[in-house]
Amino acid sequence: MQSYFETATACTSTQGGTIRTFLVSLLGAATLTAGLLLVRQHQKVAEDEARRQVPAGEKAARNVSLERLRELGL
């Protein structure tokens, strides 16, 4: 039969492992959430920047080459 000290040590060890596992899982979830929020923020900034590059009255930004500008006489 185990003594009281051995039983208490075994319970504490198991509980400590459970708490540690919970905290590591919680830290992982917080890191994942922060990463997702950063990605969404970056995408929103990129979309806003793309919208600013589109001239008024146009649906999409155009890249006109220097040669095409010369052909148009601009």
C-alpha atoms as a PDB file:
ATOM      1  CA  MET A   1       0.000   0.000   0.000  1.00  0.00           C
ATOM      2  CA  GLN A   2       1.232   3.521  -0.825  1.00  0.00           C
ATOM      3  CA  SER A   3       1.918   6.049   1.852  1.00  0.00           C
ATOM      4  CA  TYR A   4       0.082   9.365   2.015  1.00  0.00           C
ATOM      5  CA  PHE A   5       3.147  11.230   0.701  1.00  0.00           C
ATOM      6  CA  GLU A   6       3.456   9.006  -2.388  1.00  0.00           C
ATOM      7  CA  THR A   7      -0.280   9.364  -3.154  1.00  0.00           C
ATOM      8  CA  ALA A   8      -0.164  13.158  -2.757  1.00  0.00           C
ATOM      9  CA  THR A   9       2.896  13.389  -5.013  1.00  0.00           C
ATOM     10  CA  ALA A  10       1.230  11.279  -7.719  1.00  0.00           C
ATOM     11  CA  CYS A  11      -1.932  13.421  -7.668  1.00  0.00           C
ATOM     12  CA  THR A  12       0.029  16.661  -7.764  1.00  0.00           C
ATOM     13  CA  SER A  13       2.133  15.426 -10.667  1.00  0.00           C
ATOM     14  CA  THR A  14      -0.955  14.460 -12.679  1.00  0.00           C
ATOM     15  CA  GLN A  15      -2.730  17.733 -11.925  1.00  0.00           C
ATOM     16  CA  GLY A  16       0.361  19.752 -12.814  1.00  0.00           C
ATOM     17  CA  GLY A  17       0.574  17.990 -16.163  1.00  0.00           C
ATOM     18  CA  THR A  18      -3.094  18.675 -16.838  1.00  0.00           C
ATOM     19  CA  ILE A  19      -2.751  22.346 -15.980  1.00  0.00           C
ATOM     20  CA  ARG A  20       0.388  22.662 -18.104  1.00  0.00           C
ATOM     21  CA  THR A  21      -1.357  20.998 -21.061  1.00  0.00           C
ATOM     22  CA  PHE A  22      -4.331  23.340 -20.676  1.00  0.00           C
ATOM     23  CA  LEU A  23      -2.116  26.436 -20.540  1.00  0.00           C
ATOM     24  CA  VAL A  24      -0.092  25.373 -23.577  1.00  0.00           C
ATOM     25  CA  SER A  25      -3.323  24.717 -25.491  1.00  0.00           C
ATOM     26  CA  LEU A  26      -4.680  28.100 -24.426  1.00  0.00           C
ATOM     27  CA  LEU A  27      -1.458  29.804 -25.541  1.00  0.00           C
ATOM     28  CA  GLY A  28      -1.665  28.003 -28.901  1.00  0.00           C
ATOM     29  CA  ALA A  29      -5.267  29.115 -29.407  1.00  0.00           C
ATOM     30  CA  ALA A  30      -4.365  32.717 -28.556  1.00  0.00           C
ATOM     31  CA  THR A  31      -1.449  32.639 -31.002  1.00  0.00           C
ATOM     32  CA  LEU A  32      -3.643  31.225 -33.755  1.00  0.00           C
ATOM     33  CA  THR A  33      -6.297  33.877 -33.149  1.00  0.00           C
ATOM     34  CA  ALA A  34      -3.722  36.678 -33.220  1.00  0.00           C
ATOM     35  CA  GLY A  35      -2.279  35.314 -36.467  1.00  0.00           C
ATOM     36  CA  LEU A  36      -5.688  35.185 -38.122  1.00  0.00           C
ATOM     37  CA  LEU A  37      -6.466  38.743 -37.048  1.00  0.00           C
ATOM     38  CA  LEU A  38      -3.152  39.987 -38.455  1.00  0.00           C
ATOM     39  CA  VAL A  39      -3.770  38.235 -41.788  1.00  0.00           C
ATOM     40  CA  ARG A  40      -7.274  39.728 -42.060  1.00  0.00           C
ATOM     41  CA  GLN A  41      -5.933  43.200 -41.252  1.00  0.00           C
ATOM     42  CA  HIS A  42      -3.194  42.846 -43.874  1.00  0.00           C
ATOM     43  CA  GLN A  43      -5.743  41.773 -46.505  1.00  0.00           C
ATOM     44  CA  LYS A  44      -7.979  44.739 -45.697  1.00  0.00           C
ATOM     45  CA  VAL A  45      -5.067  47.174 -46.042  1.00  0.00           C
ATOM     46  CA  ALA A  46      -4.122  45.596 -49.386  1.00  0.00           C
ATOM     47  CA  GLU A  47      -7.724  45.893 -50.651  1.00  0.00           C
ATOM     48  CA  ASP A  48      -7.933  49.546 -49.581  1.00  0.00           C
ATOM     49  CA  GLU A  49      -4.636  50.277 -51.304  1.00  0.00           C
ATOM     50  CA  ALA A  50      -5.817  48.565 -54.509  1.00  0.00           C
ATOM     51  CA  ARG A  51      -9.025  50.626 -54.468  1.00  0.00           C
ATOM     52  CA  ARG A  52      -7.033  53.861 -54.260  1.00  0.00           C
ATOM     53  CA  GLN A  53      -5.100  52.944 -57.410  1.00  0.00           C
ATOM     54  CA  VAL A  54      -8.250  52.660 -59.548  1.00  0.00           C
ATOM     55  CA  PRO A  55      -9.075  55.948 -61.283  1.00  0.00           C
ATOM     56  CA  ALA A  56     -12.542  57.440 -60.858  1.00  0.00           C
ATOM     57  CA  GLY A  57     -15.049  55.910 -63.267  1.00  0.00           C
ATOM     58  CA  GLU A  58     -12.919  52.818 -63.890  1.00  0.00           C
ATOM     59  CA  LYS A  59     -13.525  49.300 -62.601  1.00  0.00           C
ATOM     60  CA  ALA A  60      -9.908  48.131 -62.542  1.00  0.00           C
ATOM     61  CA  ALA A  61      -6.481  49.703 -62.465  1.00  0.00           C
ATOM     62  CA  ARG A  62      -4.560  49.595 -65.727  1.00  0.00           C
ATOM     63  CA  ASN A  63      -0.867  49.406 -66.274  1.00  0.00           C
ATOM     64  CA  VAL A  64      -0.005  51.311 -69.425  1.00  0.00           C
ATOM     65  CA  SER A  65       3.460  50.795 -70.838  1.00  0.00           C
ATOM     66  CA  LEU A  66       5.678  53.697 -71.825  1.00  0.00           C
ATOM     67  CA  GLU A  67       5.549  52.582 -75.458  1.00  0.00           C
ATOM     68  CA  ARG A  68       1.747  52.673 -75.446  1.00  0.00           C
ATOM     69  CA  LEU A  69       1.814  56.198 -74.010  1.00  0.00           C
ATOM     70  CA  ARG A  70       4.137  57.284 -76.822  1.00  0.00           C
ATOM     71  CA  GLU A  71       1.793  55.718 -79.391  1.00  0.00           C
ATOM     72  CA  LEU A  72      -1.109  57.677 -77.945  1.00  0.00           C
ATOM     73  CA  GLY A  73       0.935  60.870 -78.114  1.00  0.00           C
ATOM     74  CA  LEU A  74       0.848  61.487 -74.387  1.00  0.00           C
END
